[in-house]
Amino acid sequence: MDDPIWQALPAETRRTVDEHLTASRNVHAIKAIRDASPEPVPGIPACMDVITDRLAELGLL
């Protein structure tokens, strides 16, 4: 995935986000992204864009 927010996340956080998305815990995924992101913290709409892309890549859409 080429999203700069996703690329800035540590590998462990990426795994956590994928686990949350697989379990349909999107709010938890947003929190994980925001907590692990470098400053400035991405807004909710930007996080939702990342989540939508990840859901598609994981075959969950």
C-alpha atoms as a PDB file:
ATOM      1  CA  MET A   1       0.000   0.000   0.000  1.00  0.00           C
ATOM      2  CA  ASP A   2       1.434   3.376  -0.997  1.00  0.00           C
ATOM      3  CA  ASP A   3      -0.436   5.521   1.532  1.00  0.00           C
ATOM      4  CA  PRO A   4       2.043   7.754   3.427  1.00  0.00           C
ATOM      5  CA  ILE A   5       0.162   7.300   6.705  1.00  0.00           C
ATOM      6  CA  TRP A   6       0.335   3.504   6.379  1.00  0.00           C
ATOM      7  CA  GLN A   7       4.010   3.654   5.376  1.00  0.00           C
ATOM      8  CA  ALA A   8       4.858   5.720   8.489  1.00  0.00           C
ATOM      9  CA  LEU A   9       3.407   3.107  10.851  1.00  0.00           C
ATOM     10  CA  PRO A  10       5.683   0.557  12.524  1.00  0.00           C
ATOM     11  CA  ALA A  11       5.249  -3.035  11.314  1.00  0.00           C
ATOM     12  CA  GLU A  12       3.764  -4.085  14.662  1.00  0.00           C
ATOM     13  CA  THR A  13       1.086  -1.394  14.402  1.00  0.00           C
ATOM     14  CA  ARG A  14       0.268  -2.463  10.855  1.00  0.00           C
ATOM     15  CA  ARG A  15      -0.300  -6.019  12.103  1.00  0.00           C
ATOM     16  CA  THR A  16      -2.482  -4.695  14.933  1.00  0.00           C
ATOM     17  CA  VAL A  17      -4.542  -2.590  12.529  1.00  0.00           C
ATOM     18  CA  ASP A  18      -5.073  -5.606  10.261  1.00  0.00           C
ATOM     19  CA  GLU A  19      -6.145  -7.713  13.261  1.00  0.00           C
ATOM     20  CA  HIS A  20      -8.664  -5.059  14.299  1.00  0.00           C
ATOM     21  CA  LEU A  21     -10.022  -4.780  10.762  1.00  0.00           C
ATOM     22  CA  THR A  22     -10.345  -8.547  10.431  1.00  0.00           C
ATOM     23  CA  ALA A  23     -12.399  -8.532  13.643  1.00  0.00           C
ATOM     24  CA  SER A  24     -14.528  -5.570  12.388  1.00  0.00           C
ATOM     25  CA  ARG A  25     -13.138  -3.267  15.082  1.00  0.00           C
ATOM     26  CA  ASN A  26     -12.651  -0.199  12.891  1.00  0.00           C
ATOM     27  CA  VAL A  27     -12.651   2.275  15.785  1.00  0.00           C
ATOM     28  CA  HIS A  28      -9.822   0.324  17.426  1.00  0.00           C
ATOM     29  CA  ALA A  29      -7.950   0.398  14.120  1.00  0.00           C
ATOM     30  CA  ILE A  30      -8.325   4.185  13.913  1.00  0.00           C
ATOM     31  CA  LYS A  31      -7.013   4.557  17.451  1.00  0.00           C
ATOM     32  CA  ALA A  32      -4.016   2.333  16.686  1.00  0.00           C
ATOM     33  CA  ILE A  33      -3.201   4.392  13.580  1.00  0.00           C
ATOM     34  CA  ARG A  34      -3.509   7.701  15.413  1.00  0.00           C
ATOM     35  CA  ASP A  35      -1.549   6.528  18.480  1.00  0.00           C
ATOM     36  CA  ALA A  36       1.375   5.238  16.406  1.00  0.00           C
ATOM     37  CA  SER A  37       1.503   8.025  13.806  1.00  0.00           C
ATOM     38  CA  PRO A  38       4.219  10.642  13.932  1.00  0.00           C
ATOM     39  CA  GLU A  39       3.158  14.274  14.339  1.00  0.00           C
ATOM     40  CA  PRO A  40       0.942  15.672  13.037  1.00  0.00           C
ATOM     41  CA  VAL A  41      -1.593  12.992  13.945  1.00  0.00           C
ATOM     42  CA  PRO A  42      -3.842  12.190  10.956  1.00  0.00           C
ATOM     43  CA  GLY A  43      -7.497  13.142  11.187  1.00  0.00           C
ATOM     44  CA  ILE A  44     -10.365  10.676  11.248  1.00  0.00           C
ATOM     45  CA  PRO A  45     -11.158  11.070   7.501  1.00  0.00           C
ATOM     46  CA  ALA A  46      -7.529  10.302   6.597  1.00  0.00           C
ATOM     47  CA  CYS A  47      -7.585   7.259   8.873  1.00  0.00           C
ATOM     48  CA  MET A  48     -10.804   6.089   7.242  1.00  0.00           C
ATOM     49  CA  ASP A  49      -9.115   6.314   3.839  1.00  0.00           C
ATOM     50  CA  VAL A  50      -6.326   4.057   5.141  1.00  0.00           C
ATOM     51  CA  ILE A  51      -8.876   1.644   6.597  1.00  0.00           C
ATOM     52  CA  THR A  52     -10.863   1.484   3.357  1.00  0.00           C
ATOM     53  CA  ASP A  53      -7.699   0.711   1.395  1.00  0.00           C
ATOM     54  CA  ARG A  54      -6.646  -1.960   3.906  1.00  0.00           C
ATOM     55  CA  LEU A  55     -10.088  -3.569   3.923  1.00  0.00           C
ATOM     56  CA  ALA A  56      -9.898  -3.823   0.144  1.00  0.00           C
ATOM     57  CA  GLU A  57      -6.375  -5.296   0.242  1.00  0.00           C
ATOM     58  CA  LEU A  58      -7.451  -7.811   2.892  1.00  0.00           C
ATOM     59  CA  GLY A  59     -10.453  -8.815   0.778  1.00  0.00           C
ATOM     60  CA  LEU A  60     -12.894  -7.622   3.429  1.00  0.00           C
ATOM     61  CA  LEU A  61     -14.888  -5.227   1.216  1.00  0.00           C
END
